[in-house]
Amino acid sequence: MREGAHPGRIAAIPARKTPDRPHGPTGSPPYGPRRVGRKSTTREPIIQEPETYDPEHPAGFEPEATRRDAGVTESTRANRGWWDRNADEYQIDHGTFLGDDRFVWGPEGLDETEAELLGPAEELKGREILEIGAGAAQCSRWLAAQGARPVALDLSHRQLQHALRIGGSFPLVCADAGALPFADGSFDLACSAYGALPFVADPRLVLREVRRVLRPGGRFVFSVTHPIRWAFPDEPGPEGLSVSASYFDRTPYVEQDEEGRAVYVEHHRTLGDRVRDVVASGFRLVDLVEPEWPAWNTSEWGGWSPLRGNLIPGTAIFVCERD
């Protein structure tokens, strides 16, 4: 068994470089309407234990939103803390949409059952698959149901506690996506649904690590907020359809405390940047999927809505292969 991969408990690997998973630009959640989705055992309260006091960020703390530079170390520290503090609320708000064992690529609701971006479900049996930025490991749970052998990795220990709460027989690993604790060629496939890539200062670091742990011919599929969304206000109504910022401004979005310390960081890359990152990291780009907004999804939340979704793309999914 690979280092740190122990079913039934969280293997804590010291994070060294990058983060693993929050939401879209200016704080919009990555997954959608609470009433849409399949079965879920997510109910409040999520985990029964005393609330931990954070002396640096006491109750009522409101971060300041800004745009400024944020490096690898600062981004990692901020996003690890953000997810540990907000994992419970996230699972309450989005657990129904995500389900317990559903593999959804983004807020539009594109499901791997229909998309088959990793390949036909019948061909996943026996495949070793790494999920990066797994959260409560809903995607890994779906993969396991297809007969695959997934490993769910996340930077946030609290998110993985939710994976333990829901259950599953696959390994959970708490580690940094930019320093994967696995040997070269450990996996057949890798996937990440809104995990890691939007939140790291150096996406090529993550991509090269993923390539390293994939076997020749392995596929990596990842989804992120579509880069064009960074040019528009994060609003679901008509005001969210007017360009308000430069698409080419790559300055990170940062939420910081009174001392100027980042508590959440998200990084912007243009579509061209993403393609160049993929190719420079040794992958071949097989497909770029921009899911259309489905008619069944009538809910609004954050900056996501049928109005915007029918006019501008919200998610970009990169299908990459290692030669």
C-alpha atoms as a PDB file:
ATOM      1  CA  MET A   1       0.000   0.000   0.000  1.00  0.00           C
ATOM      2  CA  ARG A   2       1.238   3.497  -0.839  1.00  0.00           C
ATOM      3  CA  GLU A   3       2.670   5.683   1.883  1.00  0.00           C
ATOM      4  CA  GLY A   4      -0.057   7.354   3.922  1.00  0.00           C
ATOM      5  CA  ALA A   5      -2.857   5.407   2.231  1.00  0.00           C
ATOM      6  CA  HIS A   6      -4.734   3.651   5.038  1.00  0.00           C
ATOM      7  CA  PRO A   7      -8.466   2.917   4.597  1.00  0.00           C
ATOM      8  CA  GLY A   8     -10.689   3.968   7.478  1.00  0.00           C
ATOM      9  CA  ARG A   9      -8.608   6.813   8.839  1.00  0.00           C
ATOM     10  CA  ILE A  10      -6.991  10.041   7.708  1.00  0.00           C
ATOM     11  CA  ALA A  11      -3.308   9.771   6.945  1.00  0.00           C
ATOM     12  CA  ALA A  12      -1.805  13.138   7.836  1.00  0.00           C
ATOM     13  CA  ILE A  13       1.077  14.099   5.565  1.00  0.00           C
ATOM     14  CA  PRO A  14       2.773  17.438   6.381  1.00  0.00           C
ATOM     15  CA  ALA A  15       1.695  19.966   3.779  1.00  0.00           C
ATOM     16  CA  ARG A  16       4.577  21.757   2.141  1.00  0.00           C
ATOM     17  CA  LYS A  17       3.516  23.922  -0.730  1.00  0.00           C
ATOM     18  CA  THR A  18      -0.058  24.307  -2.010  1.00  0.00           C
ATOM     19  CA  PRO A  19      -3.787  24.282  -1.100  1.00  0.00           C
ATOM     20  CA  ASP A  20      -6.761  22.177  -1.980  1.00  0.00           C
ATOM     21  CA  ARG A  21     -10.201  23.533  -2.311  1.00  0.00           C
ATOM     22  CA  PRO A  22     -12.703  26.442  -1.783  1.00  0.00           C
ATOM     23  CA  HIS A  23     -15.025  28.456  -4.040  1.00  0.00           C
ATOM     24  CA  GLY A  24     -15.248  30.817  -7.014  1.00  0.00           C
ATOM     25  CA  PRO A  25     -14.092  34.432  -7.431  1.00  0.00           C
ATOM     26  CA  THR A  26     -15.126  36.803  -4.624  1.00  0.00           C
ATOM     27  CA  GLY A  27     -16.535  34.048  -2.516  1.00  0.00           C
ATOM     28  CA  SER A  28     -19.213  32.307  -4.590  1.00  0.00           C
ATOM     29  CA  PRO A  29     -19.603  28.612  -3.688  1.00  0.00           C
ATOM     30  CA  PRO A  30     -18.381  26.097  -6.235  1.00  0.00           C
ATOM     31  CA  TYR A  31     -21.404  23.860  -5.987  1.00  0.00           C
ATOM     32  CA  GLY A  32     -24.962  24.682  -6.313  1.00  0.00           C
ATOM     33  CA  PRO A  33     -28.524  24.695  -5.134  1.00  0.00           C
ATOM     34  CA  ARG A  34     -29.201  22.932  -1.864  1.00  0.00           C
ATOM     35  CA  ARG A  35     -32.375  21.291  -3.129  1.00  0.00           C
ATOM     36  CA  VAL A  36     -30.837  19.728  -6.253  1.00  0.00           C
ATOM     37  CA  GLY A  37     -29.063  16.394  -6.130  1.00  0.00           C
ATOM     38  CA  ARG A  38     -29.186  12.816  -4.936  1.00  0.00           C
ATOM     39  CA  LYS A  39     -29.339  11.239  -1.524  1.00  0.00           C
ATOM     40  CA  SER A  40     -27.232  12.692   1.246  1.00  0.00           C
ATOM     41  CA  THR A  41     -26.772  11.899   4.896  1.00  0.00           C
ATOM     42  CA  THR A  42     -25.590  15.442   5.508  1.00  0.00           C
ATOM     43  CA  ARG A  43     -27.607  16.861   8.401  1.00  0.00           C
ATOM     44  CA  GLU A  44     -26.942  19.578  10.969  1.00  0.00           C
ATOM     45  CA  PRO A  45     -25.103  19.276  13.298  1.00  0.00           C
ATOM     46  CA  ILE A  46     -22.391  17.752  11.121  1.00  0.00           C
ATOM     47  CA  ILE A  47     -19.844  16.603  13.700  1.00  0.00           C
ATOM     48  CA  GLN A  48     -20.494  16.528  17.436  1.00  0.00           C
ATOM     49  CA  GLU A  49     -17.532  18.120  19.175  1.00  0.00           C
ATOM     50  CA  PRO A  50     -16.759  21.388  20.981  1.00  0.00           C
ATOM     51  CA  GLU A  51     -16.181  24.426  18.812  1.00  0.00           C
ATOM     52  CA  THR A  52     -12.503  25.305  18.614  1.00  0.00           C
ATOM     53  CA  TYR A  53     -11.590  28.883  19.493  1.00  0.00           C
ATOM     54  CA  ASP A  54      -9.310  30.577  16.984  1.00  0.00           C
ATOM     55  CA  PRO A  55      -7.476  33.419  18.783  1.00  0.00           C
ATOM     56  CA  GLU A  56      -6.344  34.931  15.486  1.00  0.00           C
ATOM     57  CA  HIS A  57      -9.869  35.022  14.028  1.00  0.00           C
ATOM     58  CA  PRO A  58     -12.490  35.234  16.807  1.00  0.00           C
ATOM     59  CA  ALA A  59     -16.249  35.009  16.292  1.00  0.00           C
ATOM     60  CA  GLY A  60     -17.602  37.913  14.274  1.00  0.00           C
ATOM     61  CA  PHE A  61     -14.340  38.401  12.370  1.00  0.00           C
ATOM     62  CA  GLU A  62     -14.981  39.852   8.917  1.00  0.00           C
ATOM     63  CA  PRO A  63     -12.079  39.688   6.443  1.00  0.00           C
ATOM     64  CA  GLU A  64     -11.225  42.466   4.027  1.00  0.00           C
ATOM     65  CA  ALA A  65     -11.463  41.575   0.345  1.00  0.00           C
ATOM     66  CA  THR A  66      -8.712  42.911  -1.889  1.00  0.00           C
ATOM     67  CA  ARG A  67      -6.572  42.115  -4.928  1.00  0.00           C
ATOM     68  CA  ARG A  68      -2.857  41.721  -4.222  1.00  0.00           C
ATOM     69  CA  ASP A  69       0.046  39.345  -4.720  1.00  0.00           C
ATOM     70  CA  ALA A  70       0.100  36.173  -2.635  1.00  0.00           C
ATOM     71  CA  GLY A  71       2.819  33.559  -2.944  1.00  0.00           C
ATOM     72  CA  VAL A  72       2.874  29.798  -2.579  1.00  0.00           C
ATOM     73  CA  THR A  73       3.400  29.672   1.182  1.00  0.00           C
ATOM     74  CA  GLU A  74       0.865  32.373   2.047  1.00  0.00           C
ATOM     75  CA  SER A  75      -1.773  30.844  -0.226  1.00  0.00           C
ATOM     76  CA  THR A  76      -1.295  27.402   1.283  1.00  0.00           C
ATOM     77  CA  ARG A  77      -1.507  28.589   4.879  1.00  0.00           C
ATOM     78  CA  ALA A  78      -4.551  30.780   4.223  1.00  0.00           C
ATOM     79  CA  ASN A  79      -6.561  28.198   2.317  1.00  0.00           C
ATOM     80  CA  ARG A  80      -5.817  25.367   4.698  1.00  0.00           C
ATOM     81  CA  GLY A  81      -7.123  27.499   7.552  1.00  0.00           C
ATOM     82  CA  TRP A  82     -10.149  28.680   5.566  1.00  0.00           C
ATOM     83  CA  TRP A  83     -11.279  25.150   4.776  1.00  0.00           C
ATOM     84  CA  ASP A  84     -10.726  23.866   8.276  1.00  0.00           C
ATOM     85  CA  ARG A  85     -12.891  26.723   9.604  1.00  0.00           C
ATOM     86  CA  ASN A  86     -15.596  26.501   6.935  1.00  0.00           C
ATOM     87  CA  ALA A  87     -15.842  22.789   6.135  1.00  0.00           C
ATOM     88  CA  ASP A  88     -18.884  22.245   8.354  1.00  0.00           C
ATOM     89  CA  GLU A  89     -20.867  25.096   6.813  1.00  0.00           C
ATOM     90  CA  TYR A  90     -19.844  24.015   3.321  1.00  0.00           C
ATOM     91  CA  GLN A  91     -21.111  20.481   3.804  1.00  0.00           C
ATOM     92  CA  ILE A  92     -24.388  21.738   5.290  1.00  0.00           C
ATOM     93  CA  ASP A  93     -24.943  24.173   2.419  1.00  0.00           C
ATOM     94  CA  HIS A  94     -23.882  21.922  -0.458  1.00  0.00           C
ATOM     95  CA  GLY A  95     -24.170  18.367   0.820  1.00  0.00           C
ATOM     96  CA  THR A  96     -27.551  17.817  -0.803  1.00  0.00           C
ATOM     97  CA  PHE A  97     -26.347  18.934  -4.236  1.00  0.00           C
ATOM     98  CA  LEU A  98     -23.154  16.904  -3.988  1.00  0.00           C
ATOM     99  CA  GLY A  99     -24.852  13.863  -2.487  1.00  0.00           C
ATOM    100  CA  ASP A 100     -22.817  11.213  -0.702  1.00  0.00           C
ATOM    101  CA  ASP A 101     -21.645   9.332  -3.769  1.00  0.00           C
ATOM    102  CA  ARG A 102     -22.152  11.598  -6.756  1.00  0.00           C
ATOM    103  CA  PHE A 103     -19.393  12.734  -9.145  1.00  0.00           C
ATOM    104  CA  VAL A 104     -20.337  16.233 -10.312  1.00  0.00           C
ATOM    105  CA  TRP A 105     -17.895  18.454 -12.184  1.00  0.00           C
ATOM    106  CA  GLY A 106     -19.331  21.859 -11.254  1.00  0.00           C
ATOM    107  CA  PRO A 107     -22.338  24.041 -10.457  1.00  0.00           C
ATOM    108  CA  GLU A 108     -24.014  23.295 -13.771  1.00  0.00           C
ATOM    109  CA  GLY A 109     -24.478  19.736 -12.537  1.00  0.00           C
ATOM    110  CA  LEU A 110     -22.530  17.885 -15.243  1.00  0.00           C
ATOM    111  CA  ASP A 111     -22.269  14.348 -13.869  1.00  0.00           C
ATOM    112  CA  GLU A 112     -19.436  11.922 -14.640  1.00  0.00           C
ATOM    113  CA  THR A 113     -22.067   9.219 -15.103  1.00  0.00           C
ATOM    114  CA  GLU A 114     -23.083  10.962 -18.338  1.00  0.00           C
ATOM    115  CA  ALA A 115     -19.884  12.845 -19.196  1.00  0.00           C
ATOM    116  CA  GLU A 116     -17.452   9.892 -18.946  1.00  0.00           C
ATOM    117  CA  LEU A 117     -14.482  12.263 -19.017  1.00  0.00           C
ATOM    118  CA  LEU A 118     -12.377   9.710 -17.140  1.00  0.00           C
ATOM    119  CA  GLY A 119     -13.625   7.012 -19.476  1.00  0.00           C
ATOM    120  CA  PRO A 120     -16.632   4.663 -19.587  1.00  0.00           C
ATOM    121  CA  ALA A 121     -17.718   3.604 -16.107  1.00  0.00           C
ATOM    122  CA  GLU A 122     -17.259  -0.070 -16.926  1.00  0.00           C
ATOM    123  CA  GLU A 123     -13.592   0.586 -17.696  1.00  0.00           C
ATOM    124  CA  LEU A 124     -12.883   2.153 -14.285  1.00  0.00           C
ATOM    125  CA  LYS A 125     -13.016  -1.172 -12.453  1.00  0.00           C
ATOM    126  CA  GLY A 126      -9.680  -1.961 -10.831  1.00  0.00           C
ATOM    127  CA  ARG A 127      -8.168   1.386 -11.821  1.00  0.00           C
ATOM    128  CA  GLU A 128      -6.150   3.263  -9.196  1.00  0.00           C
ATOM    129  CA  ILE A 129      -7.433   6.848  -9.156  1.00  0.00           C
ATOM    130  CA  LEU A 130      -6.275   9.898  -7.203  1.00  0.00           C
ATOM    131  CA  GLU A 131      -8.864  12.547  -6.333  1.00  0.00           C
ATOM    132  CA  ILE A 132      -7.259  15.903  -5.483  1.00  0.00           C
ATOM    133  CA  GLY A 133      -9.148  18.412  -3.359  1.00  0.00           C
ATOM    134  CA  ALA A 134     -11.604  15.681  -2.448  1.00  0.00           C
ATOM    135  CA  GLY A 135     -13.495  17.449   0.337  1.00  0.00           C
ATOM    136  CA  ALA A 136     -15.878  14.848   1.760  1.00  0.00           C
ATOM    137  CA  ALA A 137     -14.798  12.451  -1.023  1.00  0.00           C
ATOM    138  CA  GLN A 138     -18.125  12.263  -2.845  1.00  0.00           C
ATOM    139  CA  CYS A 139     -16.360  11.679  -6.178  1.00  0.00           C
ATOM    140  CA  SER A 140     -14.119   8.981  -4.717  1.00  0.00           C
ATOM    141  CA  ARG A 141     -17.175   7.265  -3.261  1.00  0.00           C
ATOM    142  CA  TRP A 142     -18.761   7.170  -6.735  1.00  0.00           C
ATOM    143  CA  LEU A 143     -15.532   5.837  -8.217  1.00  0.00           C
ATOM    144  CA  ALA A 144     -15.368   3.099  -5.586  1.00  0.00           C
ATOM    145  CA  ALA A 145     -18.934   2.089  -6.489  1.00  0.00           C
ATOM    146  CA  GLN A 146     -17.745   1.527 -10.064  1.00  0.00           C
ATOM    147  CA  GLY A 147     -15.103  -0.885  -8.815  1.00  0.00           C
ATOM    148  CA  ALA A 148     -12.206   1.578  -8.969  1.00  0.00           C
ATOM    149  CA  ARG A 149      -9.556   1.918  -6.249  1.00  0.00           C
ATOM    150  CA  PRO A 150      -9.629   5.636  -5.353  1.00  0.00           C
ATOM    151  CA  VAL A 151      -7.489   7.633  -2.939  1.00  0.00           C
ATOM    152  CA  ALA A 152      -9.074  10.883  -1.688  1.00  0.00           C
ATOM    153  CA  LEU A 153      -6.600  13.687  -0.923  1.00  0.00           C
ATOM    154  CA  ASP A 154      -7.320  17.097   0.567  1.00  0.00           C
ATOM    155  CA  LEU A 155      -5.323  19.824   2.298  1.00  0.00           C
ATOM    156  CA  SER A 156      -8.070  20.286   4.921  1.00  0.00           C
ATOM    157  CA  HIS A 157      -8.193  17.776   7.760  1.00  0.00           C
ATOM    158  CA  ARG A 158     -11.694  18.991   8.651  1.00  0.00           C
ATOM    159  CA  GLN A 159     -13.014  18.238   5.173  1.00  0.00           C
ATOM    160  CA  LEU A 160     -11.645  14.713   5.396  1.00  0.00           C
ATOM    161  CA  GLN A 161     -13.375  14.278   8.743  1.00  0.00           C
ATOM    162  CA  HIS A 162     -16.604  14.660   6.795  1.00  0.00           C
ATOM    163  CA  ALA A 163     -15.432  11.945   4.442  1.00  0.00           C
ATOM    164  CA  LEU A 164     -14.951   9.712   7.503  1.00  0.00           C
ATOM    165  CA  ARG A 165     -18.419  10.660   8.769  1.00  0.00           C
ATOM    166  CA  ILE A 166     -20.093   9.594   5.522  1.00  0.00           C
ATOM    167  CA  GLY A 167     -17.935   6.482   5.271  1.00  0.00           C
ATOM    168  CA  GLY A 168     -16.098   4.450   2.664  1.00  0.00           C
ATOM    169  CA  SER A 169     -13.387   1.816   2.400  1.00  0.00           C
ATOM    170  CA  PHE A 170     -10.863   3.849   0.393  1.00  0.00           C
ATOM    171  CA  PRO A 171      -7.832   5.735   1.777  1.00  0.00           C
ATOM    172  CA  LEU A 172      -8.055   9.372   2.902  1.00  0.00           C
ATOM    173  CA  VAL A 173      -4.844  11.401   2.779  1.00  0.00           C
ATOM    174  CA  CYS A 174      -4.352  14.887   4.220  1.00  0.00           C
ATOM    175  CA  ALA A 175      -1.591  16.381   2.099  1.00  0.00           C
ATOM    176  CA  ASP A 176      -0.485  19.187  -0.183  1.00  0.00           C
ATOM    177  CA  ALA A 177      -1.359  18.909  -3.884  1.00  0.00           C
ATOM    178  CA  GLY A 178       2.003  20.452  -4.755  1.00  0.00           C
ATOM    179  CA  ALA A 179       3.943  17.788  -2.854  1.00  0.00           C
ATOM    180  CA  LEU A 180       2.064  14.532  -3.378  1.00  0.00           C
ATOM    181  CA  PRO A 181       3.173  11.795  -0.939  1.00  0.00           C
ATOM    182  CA  PHE A 182       3.110   9.007  -3.533  1.00  0.00           C
ATOM    183  CA  ALA A 183       5.733   7.201  -5.574  1.00  0.00           C
ATOM    184  CA  ASP A 184       6.181   7.857  -9.289  1.00  0.00           C
ATOM    185  CA  GLY A 185       3.631   6.043 -11.423  1.00  0.00           C
ATOM    186  CA  SER A 186       1.256   5.163  -8.581  1.00  0.00           C
ATOM    187  CA  PHE A 187      -2.046   5.891 -10.381  1.00  0.00           C
ATOM    188  CA  ASP A 188      -3.854   5.158 -13.615  1.00  0.00           C
ATOM    189  CA  LEU A 189      -6.066   8.271 -13.456  1.00  0.00           C
ATOM    190  CA  ALA A 190      -6.387  11.508 -11.486  1.00  0.00           C
ATOM    191  CA  CYS A 191      -9.254  13.955 -11.100  1.00  0.00           C
ATOM    192  CA  SER A 192     -10.068  17.220  -9.366  1.00  0.00           C
ATOM    193  CA  ALA A 193     -13.498  18.874  -9.343  1.00  0.00           C
ATOM    194  CA  TYR A 194     -12.849  22.512  -8.376  1.00  0.00           C
ATOM    195  CA  GLY A 195      -9.960  21.347  -6.200  1.00  0.00           C
ATOM    196  CA  ALA A 196      -6.433  22.698  -5.784  1.00  0.00           C
ATOM    197  CA  LEU A 197      -5.807  24.404  -9.145  1.00  0.00           C
ATOM    198  CA  PRO A 198      -7.773  27.629  -8.537  1.00  0.00           C
ATOM    199  CA  PHE A 199      -6.096  28.153  -5.186  1.00  0.00           C
ATOM    200  CA  VAL A 200      -2.394  27.650  -5.815  1.00  0.00           C
ATOM    201  CA  ALA A 201       0.121  30.331  -6.685  1.00  0.00           C
ATOM    202  CA  ASP A 202       2.037  27.951  -8.957  1.00  0.00           C
ATOM    203  CA  PRO A 203      -0.375  25.629 -10.822  1.00  0.00           C
ATOM    204  CA  ARG A 204       2.466  24.004 -12.755  1.00  0.00           C
ATOM    205  CA  LEU A 205       3.832  22.690  -9.478  1.00  0.00           C
ATOM    206  CA  VAL A 206       0.607  20.749  -8.966  1.00  0.00           C
ATOM    207  CA  LEU A 207       0.361  19.643 -12.593  1.00  0.00           C
ATOM    208  CA  ARG A 208       3.922  18.315 -12.604  1.00  0.00           C
ATOM    209  CA  GLU A 209       3.288  16.433  -9.377  1.00  0.00           C
ATOM    210  CA  VAL A 210       0.151  14.879 -10.850  1.00  0.00           C
ATOM    211  CA  ARG A 211       2.045  13.880 -13.979  1.00  0.00           C
ATOM    212  CA  ARG A 212       4.761  12.326 -11.835  1.00  0.00           C
ATOM    213  CA  VAL A 213       2.382  10.056  -9.942  1.00  0.00           C
ATOM    214  CA  LEU A 214       0.503   9.005 -13.093  1.00  0.00           C
ATOM    215  CA  ARG A 215       1.540   5.997 -15.141  1.00  0.00           C
ATOM    216  CA  PRO A 216       2.316   6.501 -18.873  1.00  0.00           C
ATOM    217  CA  GLY A 217      -0.945   6.975 -20.727  1.00  0.00           C
ATOM    218  CA  GLY A 218      -2.657   8.195 -17.541  1.00  0.00           C
ATOM    219  CA  ARG A 219      -5.400  10.813 -17.697  1.00  0.00           C
ATOM    220  CA  PHE A 220      -5.926  13.850 -15.461  1.00  0.00           C
ATOM    221  CA  VAL A 221      -9.253  15.681 -15.606  1.00  0.00           C
ATOM    222  CA  PHE A 222      -9.777  18.861 -13.590  1.00  0.00           C
ATOM    223  CA  SER A 223     -12.450  21.560 -13.444  1.00  0.00           C
ATOM    224  CA  VAL A 224     -12.138  25.209 -12.424  1.00  0.00           C
ATOM    225  CA  THR A 225     -14.250  28.335 -12.543  1.00  0.00           C
ATOM    226  CA  HIS A 226     -14.214  29.435 -16.166  1.00  0.00           C
ATOM    227  CA  PRO A 227     -11.594  32.203 -16.482  1.00  0.00           C
ATOM    228  CA  ILE A 228     -14.007  34.581 -18.234  1.00  0.00           C
ATOM    229  CA  ARG A 229     -15.997  34.873 -14.983  1.00  0.00           C
ATOM    230  CA  TRP A 230     -13.169  36.949 -13.470  1.00  0.00           C
ATOM    231  CA  ALA A 231     -14.095  39.867 -15.731  1.00  0.00           C
ATOM    232  CA  PHE A 232     -17.676  40.046 -14.401  1.00  0.00           C
ATOM    233  CA  PRO A 233     -19.158  40.950 -11.009  1.00  0.00           C
ATOM    234  CA  ASP A 234     -20.041  37.902  -8.923  1.00  0.00           C
ATOM    235  CA  GLU A 235     -23.784  38.557  -9.082  1.00  0.00           C
ATOM    236  CA  PRO A 236     -26.577  36.276 -10.375  1.00  0.00           C
ATOM    237  CA  GLY A 237     -28.710  39.040 -11.919  1.00  0.00           C
ATOM    238  CA  PRO A 238     -28.262  41.440 -14.858  1.00  0.00           C
ATOM    239  CA  GLU A 239     -25.536  43.329 -12.974  1.00  0.00           C
ATOM    240  CA  GLY A 240     -23.436  40.177 -13.312  1.00  0.00           C
ATOM    241  CA  LEU A 241     -23.440  40.465 -17.106  1.00  0.00           C
ATOM    242  CA  SER A 242     -21.436  43.688 -17.458  1.00  0.00           C
ATOM    243  CA  VAL A 243     -17.650  43.541 -17.603  1.00  0.00           C
ATOM    244  CA  SER A 244     -16.210  45.280 -14.545  1.00  0.00           C
ATOM    245  CA  ALA A 245     -12.549  44.189 -14.540  1.00  0.00           C
ATOM    246  CA  SER A 246      -9.821  43.206 -16.950  1.00  0.00           C
ATOM    247  CA  TYR A 247      -9.841  39.560 -17.922  1.00  0.00           C
ATOM    248  CA  PHE A 248      -6.064  39.878 -18.211  1.00  0.00           C
ATOM    249  CA  ASP A 249      -5.541  41.096 -14.634  1.00  0.00           C
ATOM    250  CA  ARG A 250      -3.955  38.104 -12.937  1.00  0.00           C
ATOM    251  CA  THR A 251      -3.699  39.713  -9.505  1.00  0.00           C
ATOM    252  CA  PRO A 252      -4.978  37.180  -6.922  1.00  0.00           C
ATOM    253  CA  TYR A 253      -8.212  37.681  -5.011  1.00  0.00           C
ATOM    254  CA  VAL A 254      -7.343  37.807  -1.303  1.00  0.00           C
ATOM    255  CA  GLU A 255      -9.353  38.009   1.899  1.00  0.00           C
ATOM    256  CA  GLN A 256      -7.184  39.244   4.759  1.00  0.00           C
ATOM    257  CA  ASP A 257      -7.447  40.006   8.470  1.00  0.00           C
ATOM    258  CA  GLU A 258      -6.758  43.260  10.320  1.00  0.00           C
ATOM    259  CA  GLU A 259      -3.035  42.536  10.300  1.00  0.00           C
ATOM    260  CA  GLY A 260      -2.979  42.056   6.548  1.00  0.00           C
ATOM    261  CA  ARG A 261      -2.574  38.272   6.803  1.00  0.00           C
ATOM    262  CA  ALA A 262      -4.368  36.351   4.072  1.00  0.00           C
ATOM    263  CA  VAL A 263      -7.161  34.084   5.283  1.00  0.00           C
ATOM    264  CA  TYR A 264      -8.316  33.028   1.795  1.00  0.00           C
ATOM    265  CA  VAL A 265      -6.611  33.281  -1.590  1.00  0.00           C
ATOM    266  CA  GLU A 266      -7.759  32.491  -5.104  1.00  0.00           C
ATOM    267  CA  HIS A 267      -5.610  32.813  -8.215  1.00  0.00           C
ATOM    268  CA  HIS A 268      -6.707  33.796 -11.714  1.00  0.00           C
ATOM    269  CA  ARG A 269      -5.336  32.291 -14.914  1.00  0.00           C
ATOM    270  CA  THR A 270      -6.628  33.094 -18.388  1.00  0.00           C
ATOM    271  CA  LEU A 271      -7.797  30.266 -20.609  1.00  0.00           C
ATOM    272  CA  GLY A 272      -4.542  30.516 -22.550  1.00  0.00           C
ATOM    273  CA  ASP A 273      -2.570  30.387 -19.301  1.00  0.00           C
ATOM    274  CA  ARG A 274      -4.328  27.163 -18.331  1.00  0.00           C
ATOM    275  CA  VAL A 275      -3.554  25.559 -21.692  1.00  0.00           C
ATOM    276  CA  ARG A 276       0.091  26.595 -21.491  1.00  0.00           C
ATOM    277  CA  ASP A 277       0.327  25.304 -17.910  1.00  0.00           C
ATOM    278  CA  VAL A 278      -1.012  21.917 -19.007  1.00  0.00           C
ATOM    279  CA  VAL A 279       1.368  21.606 -21.965  1.00  0.00           C
ATOM    280  CA  ALA A 280       4.430  22.950 -20.120  1.00  0.00           C
ATOM    281  CA  SER A 281       3.841  20.373 -17.367  1.00  0.00           C
ATOM    282  CA  GLY A 282       4.135  17.487 -19.800  1.00  0.00           C
ATOM    283  CA  PHE A 283       0.485  16.770 -20.550  1.00  0.00           C
ATOM    284  CA  ARG A 284      -1.357  16.621 -23.845  1.00  0.00           C
ATOM    285  CA  LEU A 285      -4.674  18.501 -23.805  1.00  0.00           C
ATOM    286  CA  VAL A 286      -7.288  16.093 -25.153  1.00  0.00           C
ATOM    287  CA  ASP A 287     -10.425  18.158 -24.612  1.00  0.00           C
ATOM    288  CA  LEU A 288     -11.701  21.388 -23.070  1.00  0.00           C
ATOM    289  CA  VAL A 289     -15.302  21.081 -21.899  1.00  0.00           C
ATOM    290  CA  GLU A 290     -17.490  24.123 -21.144  1.00  0.00           C
ATOM    291  CA  PRO A 291     -20.739  22.733 -19.692  1.00  0.00           C
ATOM    292  CA  GLU A 292     -23.930  24.492 -20.722  1.00  0.00           C
ATOM    293  CA  TRP A 293     -26.486  25.435 -18.105  1.00  0.00           C
ATOM    294  CA  PRO A 294     -29.215  22.739 -18.001  1.00  0.00           C
ATOM    295  CA  ALA A 295     -32.922  23.569 -18.090  1.00  0.00           C
ATOM    296  CA  TRP A 296     -33.586  21.601 -14.878  1.00  0.00           C
ATOM    297  CA  ASN A 297     -31.322  23.856 -12.804  1.00  0.00           C
ATOM    298  CA  THR A 298     -33.527  26.839 -11.930  1.00  0.00           C
ATOM    299  CA  SER A 299     -31.863  27.932  -8.683  1.00  0.00           C
ATOM    300  CA  GLU A 300     -29.669  30.931  -7.954  1.00  0.00           C
ATOM    301  CA  TRP A 301     -26.823  31.070  -5.424  1.00  0.00           C
ATOM    302  CA  GLY A 302     -23.829  33.344  -5.205  1.00  0.00           C
ATOM    303  CA  GLY A 303     -22.930  34.399  -8.724  1.00  0.00           C
ATOM    304  CA  TRP A 304     -24.487  31.303 -10.292  1.00  0.00           C
ATOM    305  CA  SER A 305     -27.881  31.537 -11.987  1.00  0.00           C
ATOM    306  CA  PRO A 306     -29.791  30.392 -15.083  1.00  0.00           C
ATOM    307  CA  LEU A 307     -29.512  33.935 -16.474  1.00  0.00           C
ATOM    308  CA  ARG A 308     -25.723  33.988 -16.391  1.00  0.00           C
ATOM    309  CA  GLY A 309     -25.319  30.300 -17.102  1.00  0.00           C
ATOM    310  CA  ASN A 310     -27.290  30.540 -20.349  1.00  0.00           C
ATOM    311  CA  LEU A 311     -25.154  33.447 -21.598  1.00  0.00           C
ATOM    312  CA  ILE A 312     -21.591  32.954 -20.354  1.00  0.00           C
ATOM    313  CA  PRO A 313     -19.694  29.804 -19.348  1.00  0.00           C
ATOM    314  CA  GLY A 314     -19.167  29.136 -15.656  1.00  0.00           C
ATOM    315  CA  THR A 315     -16.936  26.068 -15.618  1.00  0.00           C
ATOM    316  CA  ALA A 316     -13.955  24.904 -17.671  1.00  0.00           C
ATOM    317  CA  ILE A 317     -12.978  21.222 -17.585  1.00  0.00           C
ATOM    318  CA  PHE A 318      -9.532  20.243 -18.864  1.00  0.00           C
ATOM    319  CA  VAL A 319      -9.017  16.668 -20.048  1.00  0.00           C
ATOM    320  CA  CYS A 320      -5.293  15.920 -20.095  1.00  0.00           C
ATOM    321  CA  GLU A 321      -3.221  12.841 -20.848  1.00  0.00           C
ATOM    322  CA  ARG A 322       0.328  11.862 -20.025  1.00  0.00           C
ATOM    323  CA  ASP A 323       2.149  10.328 -22.994  1.00  0.00           C
END
